Protein backbone atom coordinates (compact mmCIF):
# COMPACT_ATOMS: atom_id res chain seq x y z
CA UNK A 1 -59.65 -10.35 -26.83
CA UNK A 2 -57.19 -9.02 -24.26
CA UNK A 3 -58.26 -8.70 -20.60
CA UNK A 4 -58.64 -5.27 -19.14
CA UNK A 5 -55.76 -6.16 -16.61
CA UNK A 6 -53.43 -6.87 -19.58
CA UNK A 7 -54.38 -3.72 -21.29
CA UNK A 8 -53.64 -1.81 -17.97
CA UNK A 9 -50.30 -3.30 -17.68
CA UNK A 10 -49.29 -2.65 -21.24
CA UNK A 11 -50.21 0.98 -20.84
CA UNK A 12 -48.70 1.67 -17.62
CA UNK A 13 -45.75 -0.71 -17.66
CA UNK A 14 -43.27 2.05 -18.88
CA UNK A 15 -44.14 4.13 -15.70
CA UNK A 16 -43.56 1.25 -13.35
CA UNK A 17 -40.23 0.37 -15.17
CA UNK A 18 -39.03 3.88 -15.43
CA UNK A 19 -35.40 3.89 -14.33
CA UNK A 20 -34.74 5.54 -10.99
CA UNK A 21 -33.71 9.20 -11.70
CA UNK A 22 -30.10 9.85 -10.98
CA UNK A 23 -29.18 12.23 -8.18
CA UNK A 24 -27.57 15.33 -9.90
CA UNK A 25 -25.43 15.85 -6.66
CA UNK A 26 -24.15 12.33 -6.74
CA UNK A 27 -23.42 12.64 -10.38
CA UNK A 28 -21.43 15.75 -9.87
CA UNK A 29 -19.58 14.35 -6.89
CA UNK A 30 -18.67 11.20 -9.02
CA UNK A 31 -17.43 13.63 -11.86
CA UNK A 32 -15.22 15.49 -9.32
CA UNK A 33 -13.55 12.34 -8.04
CA UNK A 34 -12.39 11.56 -11.63
CA UNK A 35 -10.94 14.99 -12.26
CA UNK A 36 -7.11 15.69 -12.02
CA UNK A 37 -7.85 19.45 -12.00
CA UNK A 38 -10.68 21.41 -10.43
CA UNK A 39 -11.05 25.18 -10.98
CA UNK A 40 -7.75 25.40 -12.44
CA UNK A 41 -5.95 23.71 -9.49
CA UNK A 42 -4.07 20.32 -9.87
CA UNK A 43 -5.44 17.79 -7.52
CA UNK A 44 -2.78 15.34 -6.34
CA UNK A 45 -3.79 11.67 -6.68
CA UNK A 46 -1.78 10.48 -3.63
CA UNK A 47 0.49 11.54 -0.77
CA UNK A 48 3.63 11.46 -3.11
CA UNK A 49 2.04 13.89 -5.36
CA UNK A 50 1.01 16.08 -2.43
CA UNK A 51 4.71 16.41 -1.40
CA UNK A 52 5.66 17.18 -5.06
CA UNK A 53 2.98 19.88 -5.41
CA UNK A 54 3.82 21.51 -2.05
CA UNK A 55 7.52 21.52 -2.97
CA UNK A 56 6.56 23.45 -6.19
CA UNK A 57 4.16 25.89 -4.39
CA UNK A 58 6.15 26.72 -1.31
CA UNK A 59 9.35 28.86 -1.52
CA UNK A 60 12.51 27.96 0.14
CA UNK A 61 12.27 30.51 3.05
CA UNK A 62 8.73 29.33 3.97
CA UNK A 63 9.69 25.61 3.74
CA UNK A 64 12.81 26.34 5.96
CA UNK A 65 10.65 28.00 8.51
CA UNK A 66 8.00 25.25 8.34
CA UNK A 67 10.56 22.52 8.57
CA UNK A 68 12.19 24.14 11.70
CA UNK A 69 8.88 24.21 13.79
CA UNK A 70 8.11 21.35 16.01
CA UNK A 71 5.41 19.11 14.44
CA UNK A 72 2.47 19.98 16.78
CA UNK A 73 3.25 23.67 16.54
CA UNK A 74 3.48 23.42 12.70
CA UNK A 75 0.14 21.63 12.60
CA UNK A 76 -1.68 24.15 14.98
CA UNK A 77 -0.22 27.31 13.74
CA UNK A 78 -0.50 26.46 10.00
CA UNK A 79 -3.96 24.92 10.01
CA UNK A 80 -5.94 28.12 9.54
CA UNK A 81 -3.75 29.20 6.68
CA UNK A 82 -1.98 26.38 4.90
CA UNK A 83 -4.54 23.84 6.06
CA UNK A 84 -7.39 25.84 4.88
CA UNK A 85 -5.60 26.35 1.59
CA UNK A 86 -5.43 22.49 1.16
CA UNK A 87 -9.11 21.97 2.20
CA UNK A 88 -10.47 24.59 -0.17
CA UNK A 89 -8.17 24.14 -3.28
CA UNK A 90 -7.97 20.41 -3.09
CA UNK A 91 -11.81 20.21 -2.55
CA UNK A 92 -11.90 18.12 0.73
CA UNK A 93 -15.48 19.12 1.42
CA UNK A 94 -16.99 18.89 -2.05
CA UNK A 95 -14.90 15.76 -2.92
CA UNK A 96 -11.86 15.21 -5.09
CA UNK A 97 -9.72 12.27 -6.03
CA UNK A 98 -7.27 13.37 -3.15
CA UNK A 99 -10.16 13.44 -0.72
CA UNK A 100 -11.26 9.85 -1.85
CA UNK A 101 -7.68 8.71 -1.40
CA UNK A 102 -7.48 9.91 2.10
CA UNK A 103 -10.80 8.67 2.92
CA UNK A 104 -9.66 5.31 1.60
CA UNK A 105 -6.97 5.42 4.27
CA UNK A 106 -9.75 5.93 6.92
CA UNK A 107 -9.73 9.71 7.41
CA UNK A 108 -13.09 11.25 6.71
CA UNK A 109 -13.18 14.72 8.26
CA UNK A 110 -11.85 17.39 5.77
CA UNK A 111 -10.05 19.25 8.56
CA UNK A 112 -8.37 16.02 9.70
CA UNK A 113 -7.27 15.52 6.05
CA UNK A 114 -5.66 18.80 6.04
CA UNK A 115 -3.95 18.20 9.45
CA UNK A 116 -2.89 14.86 8.35
CA UNK A 117 -1.18 16.29 5.14
CA UNK A 118 0.54 19.06 7.18
CA UNK A 119 2.06 16.45 9.59
CA UNK A 120 3.04 14.15 6.75
CA UNK A 121 4.72 16.97 4.75
CA UNK A 122 6.55 18.25 7.89
CA UNK A 123 7.82 14.66 8.45
CA UNK A 124 8.87 14.39 4.85
CA UNK A 125 10.71 17.72 4.90
CA UNK A 126 12.51 16.73 8.03
CA UNK A 127 13.34 13.27 6.56
CA UNK A 128 11.65 11.51 9.45
CA UNK A 129 9.67 8.28 8.98
CA UNK A 130 6.05 9.00 7.81
CA UNK A 131 4.58 6.25 9.84
CA UNK A 132 1.34 6.71 7.91
CA UNK A 133 -0.64 3.68 9.54
CA UNK A 134 0.07 5.07 12.91
CA UNK A 135 -0.72 8.50 11.91
CA UNK A 136 -4.11 7.41 10.41
CA UNK A 137 -4.86 5.26 13.48
CA UNK A 138 -4.27 8.47 15.68
CA UNK A 139 -6.78 10.46 13.64
CA UNK A 140 -9.40 7.57 13.68
CA UNK A 141 -8.96 7.31 17.46
CA UNK A 142 -9.47 11.12 17.78
CA UNK A 143 -12.55 11.04 15.55
CA UNK A 144 -13.98 8.21 17.70
CA UNK A 145 -13.43 10.16 20.83
CA UNK A 146 -15.16 13.33 19.33
CA UNK A 147 -18.10 11.11 18.38
CA UNK A 148 -18.46 9.69 21.87
CA UNK A 149 -18.21 13.20 23.46
CA UNK A 150 -20.87 14.44 21.20
CA UNK A 151 -23.10 11.59 22.01
CA UNK A 152 -22.49 12.16 25.79
CA UNK A 153 -23.52 15.88 25.42
CA UNK A 154 -26.53 15.10 23.31
CA UNK A 155 -29.97 16.15 24.35
CA UNK A 156 -32.86 13.62 24.27
CA UNK A 157 -35.57 15.44 22.31
CA UNK A 158 -38.17 12.84 23.02
CA UNK A 159 -38.36 9.83 25.19
CA UNK A 160 -41.20 7.29 25.39
CA UNK A 161 -41.78 4.74 28.12
CA UNK A 162 -44.10 1.90 28.01
CA UNK A 163 -45.69 0.12 30.88
CA UNK A 164 -45.19 -3.67 30.67
CA UNK A 165 -47.65 -6.16 31.98
CA UNK A 166 -46.33 -7.80 34.98
CA UNK A 167 -48.01 -11.20 34.17
CA UNK A 168 -46.43 -13.37 31.84
CA UNK A 169 -48.78 -14.40 28.76
CA UNK A 170 -50.41 -17.76 29.44
CA UNK A 171 -50.19 -20.57 27.20
CA UNK A 172 -52.89 -21.38 24.81
CA UNK A 173 -54.63 -18.11 25.40
CA UNK A 174 -55.56 -18.67 29.00
CA UNK A 175 -54.80 -16.51 31.97
């Protein structure tokens, strides 16, 4: 005859061994990372494909005007139009293979991703060295600085202090 403990384990073992339920949001995110098209928009897989896509989408007068701007002006002026288009259509906030690619380089903020691509595309059109590693490093340094500033401005919501005993604990339980 089987013991009650054995019967208990046999009856409830399936509940204990139940596989952890998958997070539907994580599944959707992982699915998005594998897609080459989201909502009818092609998602470039790397920076070279970004340049090809932008060359197809941008007409010559716009390219000429963009190319003639100084780099910092192009980035600041076009961020809220061109940059937002990239952020939205290439799904930087929700995740895409391009956002994963850029994160792999070390840029994690979706708005920084758009700025990064604007600068790189501007340099490409002007046939300047892209200097990707240096550009990524610049964005990383700015992100670190922003983080430090946020921490400085942070408000302490709760602080607890403990009074310590001034006497050191004695050996062998004696005082």
